[in-house]
Amino acid sequence: MNAFSRLLPVVSGAFGLQAVLAAIFVPQKTDKYFDLGGSLGFISTAFVSLYYPVLKARFWEGARNVPFPPITSFAPRQLLITAALGVWTVRLGSFLVQRAFDSHGDFRFMEAKKQPFTFTVWWMAQASWVLIVGLPVYLINTLPAHLHPALTFRDYAAVGLFAGSLIIESVADRQKAAWRKAQKNKEHDEKFISSGLWSISRHPNYIGEVGIWTGIWALSIASLQTAHNPRGSIALSAASPLFTYFLLRYVSGIPPLELSAEKKWGKDEAWKKYKRNTPVLWPFGSTE
């Protein structure tokens, strides 16, 4: 079976889950569970990509006695890349879900959640995001374990990039959460955070996010360049970090946050100075 056709169950599962969640939460006009839906999407699609042969035998073909394979039956690369996705999902998902409940929703959906069609489109867009960003993981998991090459130094470097980027994202998120808590407790009167990692980038958590998916993609390359995958698999899976960067830099990440900041503090001299001296994303990069 062609590698891309093996992704059909993953595609079906991703859109099916988001459709079910949309059917539940769109009528309620609540977005508090949107990020939770994204996390469940990544976990479920990774699970389907890894265990689909067994799931098909047990629930489609009726062979209930077919056992789930032991974890040791998978290639080390499959275990590493799936674990990376799992760690990222649990870490970021729990953070975003907690934030959504604490703030009673997401400002991005203030108007969208009042419009059933528009809000449903958002849920379907989330399914597309789950598929595109997780593509390197799904391609690796659908390839039989014995066809994966052994891990090399390049793969361990990719794991290092993932781990370092995860630390950057986690530290940035925790610094901002601590700053917000201190602000709420009136321990400072700062209008925006400009300390820690936020002193060298206005969006340091996004640096970590791009690095995370670049590391995951790099970990997939050795298997994707074998003859068992269609030509172009590496380039196609590169959509994961590239799409992540594009979304964060130009669509749903930095633009709405910068616009909101300008509305709040555009005339504030401290904000003007921070914006003038602090790169928008990459340290030592552009401030615009």
Protein backbone atom coordinates (compact mmCIF):
# COMPACT_ATOMS: atom_id res chain seq x y z
CA MET A 1 0.00 0.00 0.00
CA ASN A 2 1.28 3.47 -0.92
CA ALA A 3 2.47 5.55 2.04
CA PHE A 4 -0.04 8.28 1.28
CA SER A 5 -2.98 5.88 1.05
CA ARG A 6 -1.99 4.54 4.48
CA LEU A 7 -2.78 8.02 5.80
CA LEU A 8 -6.47 7.79 4.88
CA PRO A 9 -7.49 6.39 8.31
CA VAL A 10 -5.55 9.21 9.96
CA VAL A 11 -7.30 11.82 7.80
CA SER A 12 -10.70 10.29 8.52
CA GLY A 13 -10.01 10.15 12.25
CA ALA A 14 -8.77 13.74 12.44
CA PHE A 15 -11.76 15.25 10.65
CA GLY A 16 -14.19 12.85 12.32
CA LEU A 17 -13.12 13.86 15.82
CA GLN A 18 -13.27 17.60 15.12
CA ALA A 19 -16.68 17.17 13.47
CA VAL A 20 -17.99 15.45 16.60
CA LEU A 21 -16.56 18.17 18.84
CA ALA A 22 -18.01 20.87 16.60
CA ALA A 23 -21.42 19.20 16.77
CA ILE A 24 -21.22 19.39 20.57
CA PHE A 25 -19.69 22.82 21.19
CA VAL A 26 -20.82 24.98 18.25
CA PRO A 27 -24.48 24.94 19.45
CA GLN A 28 -23.24 25.84 22.93
CA LYS A 29 -21.28 28.81 21.54
CA THR A 30 -18.31 27.97 23.75
CA ASP A 31 -14.65 27.92 22.73
CA LYS A 32 -13.25 26.78 26.08
CA TYR A 33 -12.75 23.26 24.73
CA PHE A 34 -11.22 24.23 21.39
CA ASP A 35 -7.60 23.76 22.45
CA LEU A 36 -8.51 20.52 24.20
CA GLY A 37 -9.94 19.35 20.87
CA GLY A 38 -6.61 20.07 19.20
CA SER A 39 -4.71 18.08 21.80
CA LEU A 40 -7.09 15.15 21.50
CA GLY A 41 -6.68 15.38 17.74
CA PHE A 42 -2.92 14.94 17.87
CA ILE A 43 -3.05 12.11 20.39
CA SER A 44 -5.78 10.19 18.56
CA THR A 45 -4.25 10.54 15.10
CA ALA A 46 -0.84 9.44 16.37
CA PHE A 47 -2.50 6.42 18.00
CA VAL A 48 -4.38 5.53 14.81
CA SER A 49 -1.26 5.89 12.67
CA LEU A 50 0.66 3.54 14.95
CA TYR A 51 -2.01 0.92 15.63
CA TYR A 52 -4.25 1.05 12.55
CA PRO A 53 -3.61 -2.56 11.38
CA VAL A 54 -4.78 -3.86 14.75
CA LEU A 55 -7.67 -1.41 14.98
CA LYS A 56 -8.84 -2.44 11.52
CA ALA A 57 -8.67 -6.15 12.40
CA ARG A 58 -10.47 -5.77 15.73
CA PHE A 59 -13.18 -3.23 14.91
CA TRP A 60 -13.66 -3.49 11.14
CA GLU A 61 -12.97 -7.13 10.39
CA GLY A 62 -14.35 -8.41 13.69
CA ALA A 63 -11.20 -10.25 14.81
CA ARG A 64 -11.57 -9.31 18.48
CA ASN A 65 -8.86 -11.72 19.58
CA VAL A 66 -6.11 -9.89 17.67
CA PRO A 67 -3.81 -8.47 20.39
CA PHE A 68 -2.28 -5.03 20.41
CA PRO A 69 1.44 -5.37 19.62
CA PRO A 70 3.91 -4.75 22.47
CA ILE A 71 5.65 -1.41 22.44
CA THR A 72 8.95 -3.19 21.79
CA SER A 73 7.65 -4.27 18.38
CA PHE A 74 7.93 -0.72 17.03
CA ALA A 75 11.11 0.82 15.64
CA PRO A 76 13.05 3.15 17.98
CA ARG A 77 12.38 6.01 15.56
CA GLN A 78 8.64 5.42 15.77
CA LEU A 79 8.75 5.42 19.55
CA LEU A 80 10.90 8.55 19.74
CA ILE A 81 8.87 10.60 17.29
CA THR A 82 5.53 9.53 18.80
CA ALA A 83 6.81 10.26 22.30
CA ALA A 84 7.95 13.71 21.15
CA LEU A 85 4.50 14.48 19.79
CA GLY A 86 2.92 13.15 22.97
CA VAL A 87 5.11 15.21 25.29
CA TRP A 88 4.50 18.37 23.27
CA THR A 89 0.75 17.74 23.14
CA VAL A 90 0.36 17.13 26.86
CA ARG A 91 2.61 20.05 27.83
CA LEU A 92 1.16 22.70 25.52
CA GLY A 93 -2.37 21.31 25.56
CA SER A 94 -2.64 21.38 29.35
CA PHE A 95 -1.24 24.91 29.41
CA LEU A 96 -3.67 26.21 26.76
CA VAL A 97 -6.69 24.44 28.26
CA GLN A 98 -5.95 25.85 31.71
CA ARG A 99 -5.51 29.32 30.21
CA ALA A 100 -8.80 29.01 28.30
CA PHE A 101 -10.69 28.14 31.47
CA ASP A 102 -8.97 30.82 33.53
CA SER A 103 -9.74 33.52 30.97
CA HIS A 104 -13.21 32.14 30.13
CA GLY A 105 -12.36 31.65 26.46
CA ASP A 106 -10.13 32.86 23.65
CA PHE A 107 -10.35 36.39 22.28
CA ARG A 108 -9.92 35.00 18.73
CA PHE A 109 -13.41 33.48 18.93
CA MET A 110 -15.35 36.35 20.48
CA GLU A 111 -17.33 36.87 17.27
CA ALA A 112 -16.77 33.55 15.48
CA LYS A 113 -18.43 31.44 18.17
CA LYS A 114 -21.65 33.42 17.68
CA GLN A 115 -21.78 32.33 14.03
CA PRO A 116 -22.36 28.55 13.70
CA PHE A 117 -20.94 28.20 10.19
CA THR A 118 -17.83 30.26 10.90
CA PHE A 119 -17.18 28.46 14.18
CA THR A 120 -17.58 25.07 12.47
CA VAL A 121 -15.03 26.12 9.87
CA TRP A 122 -12.61 26.85 12.71
CA TRP A 123 -13.02 23.29 14.01
CA MET A 124 -12.43 21.84 10.54
CA ALA A 125 -9.40 24.09 10.14
CA GLN A 126 -8.09 22.61 13.37
CA ALA A 127 -8.37 19.13 11.83
CA SER A 128 -6.29 20.34 8.87
CA TRP A 129 -3.73 21.80 11.29
CA VAL A 130 -3.49 18.49 13.16
CA LEU A 131 -2.88 16.65 9.87
CA ILE A 132 -0.35 19.02 8.32
CA VAL A 133 1.72 19.67 11.43
CA GLY A 134 1.75 16.03 12.56
CA LEU A 135 2.47 14.67 9.07
CA PRO A 136 6.08 13.56 9.76
CA VAL A 137 4.86 11.49 12.72
CA TYR A 138 2.02 9.85 10.81
CA LEU A 139 4.23 8.97 7.83
CA ILE A 140 6.79 7.35 10.13
CA ASN A 141 4.19 5.41 12.10
CA THR A 142 2.45 3.96 9.05
CA LEU A 143 5.73 2.48 7.79
CA PRO A 144 6.33 -1.09 9.10
CA ALA A 145 8.90 -1.20 11.90
CA HIS A 146 11.44 -3.37 10.05
CA LEU A 147 11.76 -0.82 7.23
CA HIS A 148 13.18 1.95 9.43
CA PRO A 149 16.95 2.57 9.37
CA ALA A 150 18.90 2.61 12.63
CA LEU A 151 19.24 5.85 14.54
CA THR A 152 22.35 7.92 13.83
CA PHE A 153 24.00 11.03 15.24
CA ARG A 154 21.79 13.17 12.98
CA ASP A 155 18.72 11.70 14.62
CA TYR A 156 20.02 12.36 18.12
CA ALA A 157 20.78 15.94 17.06
CA ALA A 158 17.16 16.23 15.92
CA VAL A 159 16.00 14.98 19.34
CA GLY A 160 18.29 17.57 20.93
CA LEU A 161 16.73 20.32 18.81
CA PHE A 162 13.27 19.17 19.85
CA ALA A 163 14.21 19.02 23.54
CA GLY A 164 15.93 22.43 23.53
CA SER A 165 13.00 24.03 21.73
CA LEU A 166 10.52 22.45 24.15
CA ILE A 167 12.46 23.95 27.03
CA ILE A 168 12.40 27.40 25.39
CA GLU A 169 8.66 27.22 24.82
CA SER A 170 7.96 25.91 28.33
CA VAL A 171 10.13 28.53 30.05
CA ALA A 172 8.59 31.35 28.01
CA ASP A 173 5.06 30.20 28.85
CA ARG A 174 5.86 29.80 32.54
CA GLN A 175 7.54 33.21 32.72
CA LYS A 176 4.48 34.87 31.24
CA ALA A 177 2.12 32.90 33.48
CA ALA A 178 4.12 33.92 36.55
CA TRP A 179 4.16 37.54 35.36
CA ARG A 180 0.38 37.51 34.92
CA LYS A 181 -0.13 36.00 38.35
CA ALA A 182 2.08 38.67 39.92
CA GLN A 183 0.19 41.35 38.02
CA LYS A 184 -3.13 39.96 39.26
CA ASN A 185 -1.77 40.00 42.83
CA LYS A 186 -0.68 43.62 42.30
CA GLU A 187 2.97 42.75 42.83
CA HIS A 188 3.92 44.99 39.90
CA ASP A 189 2.27 47.58 37.67
CA GLU A 190 3.85 46.57 34.35
CA LYS A 191 1.43 46.60 31.42
CA PHE A 192 3.29 43.94 29.42
CA ILE A 193 6.06 41.44 30.07
CA SER A 194 9.56 42.43 28.98
CA SER A 195 11.77 40.30 31.20
CA GLY A 196 13.39 36.86 30.88
CA LEU A 197 13.15 35.39 27.40
CA TRP A 198 10.66 38.14 26.60
CA SER A 199 13.53 40.64 26.77
CA ILE A 200 15.17 39.16 23.65
CA SER A 201 12.01 38.37 21.67
CA ARG A 202 8.44 39.64 21.79
CA HIS A 203 7.24 36.08 21.12
CA PRO A 204 9.90 33.64 22.42
CA ASN A 205 7.38 30.81 22.88
CA TYR A 206 6.89 30.78 19.11
CA ILE A 207 10.63 30.30 18.59
CA GLY A 208 10.30 27.13 20.65
CA GLU A 209 7.22 26.01 18.71
CA VAL A 210 8.94 26.29 15.33
CA GLY A 211 12.03 24.52 16.68
CA ILE A 212 9.94 21.67 18.10
CA TRP A 213 8.41 20.79 14.74
CA THR A 214 11.68 21.31 12.92
CA GLY A 215 13.25 18.74 15.26
CA ILE A 216 10.40 16.27 14.75
CA TRP A 217 10.64 16.68 10.98
CA ALA A 218 14.42 16.19 11.08
CA LEU A 219 13.93 12.96 13.06
CA SER A 220 11.70 11.62 10.28
CA ILE A 221 14.06 12.30 7.36
CA ALA A 222 16.15 9.10 7.46
CA SER A 223 13.07 6.91 7.11
CA LEU A 224 11.31 9.14 4.60
CA GLN A 225 14.29 9.11 2.23
CA THR A 226 14.27 5.33 1.84
CA ALA A 227 12.79 3.62 -1.21
CA HIS A 228 9.75 2.58 0.84
CA ASN A 229 8.30 6.08 0.65
CA PRO A 230 7.25 8.01 -2.47
CA ARG A 231 9.66 10.54 -3.88
CA GLY A 232 8.96 13.92 -2.35
CA SER A 233 7.97 12.59 1.06
CA ILE A 234 10.67 14.64 2.80
CA ALA A 235 9.60 17.85 1.05
CA LEU A 236 5.94 17.14 1.75
CA SER A 237 6.54 16.49 5.44
CA ALA A 238 8.55 19.73 5.64
CA ALA A 239 5.13 21.38 5.50
CA SER A 240 5.01 20.67 9.25
CA PRO A 241 7.61 23.23 10.43
CA LEU A 242 6.99 25.56 7.47
CA PHE A 243 3.24 25.68 8.07
CA THR A 244 3.85 26.17 11.79
CA TYR A 245 6.11 29.13 11.08
CA PHE A 246 3.70 30.60 8.53
CA LEU A 247 0.71 30.36 10.88
CA LEU A 248 2.54 31.83 13.85
CA ARG A 249 4.36 34.57 11.96
CA TYR A 250 1.72 35.70 9.51
CA VAL A 251 -1.74 34.38 10.42
CA SER A 252 -3.03 33.34 13.85
CA GLY A 253 -0.01 33.93 16.07
CA ILE A 254 1.93 37.18 15.98
CA PRO A 255 -0.41 39.41 13.88
CA PRO A 256 -3.46 39.35 16.19
CA LEU A 257 -1.27 39.63 19.29
CA GLU A 258 0.64 42.60 17.90
CA LEU A 259 -2.61 44.25 16.79
CA SER A 260 -4.09 43.76 20.25
CA ALA A 261 -0.95 45.18 21.87
CA GLU A 262 -1.05 48.24 19.62
CA LYS A 263 -4.66 48.89 20.56
CA LYS A 264 -3.81 48.67 24.27
CA TRP A 265 -0.42 50.35 24.47
CA GLY A 266 0.23 51.97 21.09
CA LYS A 267 0.68 55.39 22.70
CA ASP A 268 2.62 54.10 25.70
CA GLU A 269 6.27 55.18 25.59
CA ALA A 270 7.44 52.04 27.40
CA TRP A 271 5.75 49.87 24.76
CA LYS A 272 7.20 51.95 21.94
CA LYS A 273 10.68 51.51 23.38
CA TYR A 274 10.20 47.76 23.93
CA LYS A 275 8.87 47.31 20.41
CA ARG A 276 11.67 49.41 18.91
CA ASN A 277 14.44 47.49 20.72
CA THR A 278 13.09 43.93 20.91
CA PRO A 279 12.86 41.67 17.82
CA VAL A 280 9.39 40.46 16.98
CA LEU A 281 10.52 36.82 16.83
CA TRP A 282 14.12 35.76 16.26
CA PRO A 283 16.73 37.31 18.59
CA PHE A 284 18.88 39.75 16.62
CA GLY A 285 16.20 39.72 13.91
CA SER A 286 13.80 42.37 12.68
CA THR A 287 11.65 44.36 15.10
CA GLU A 288 8.83 44.45 12.54
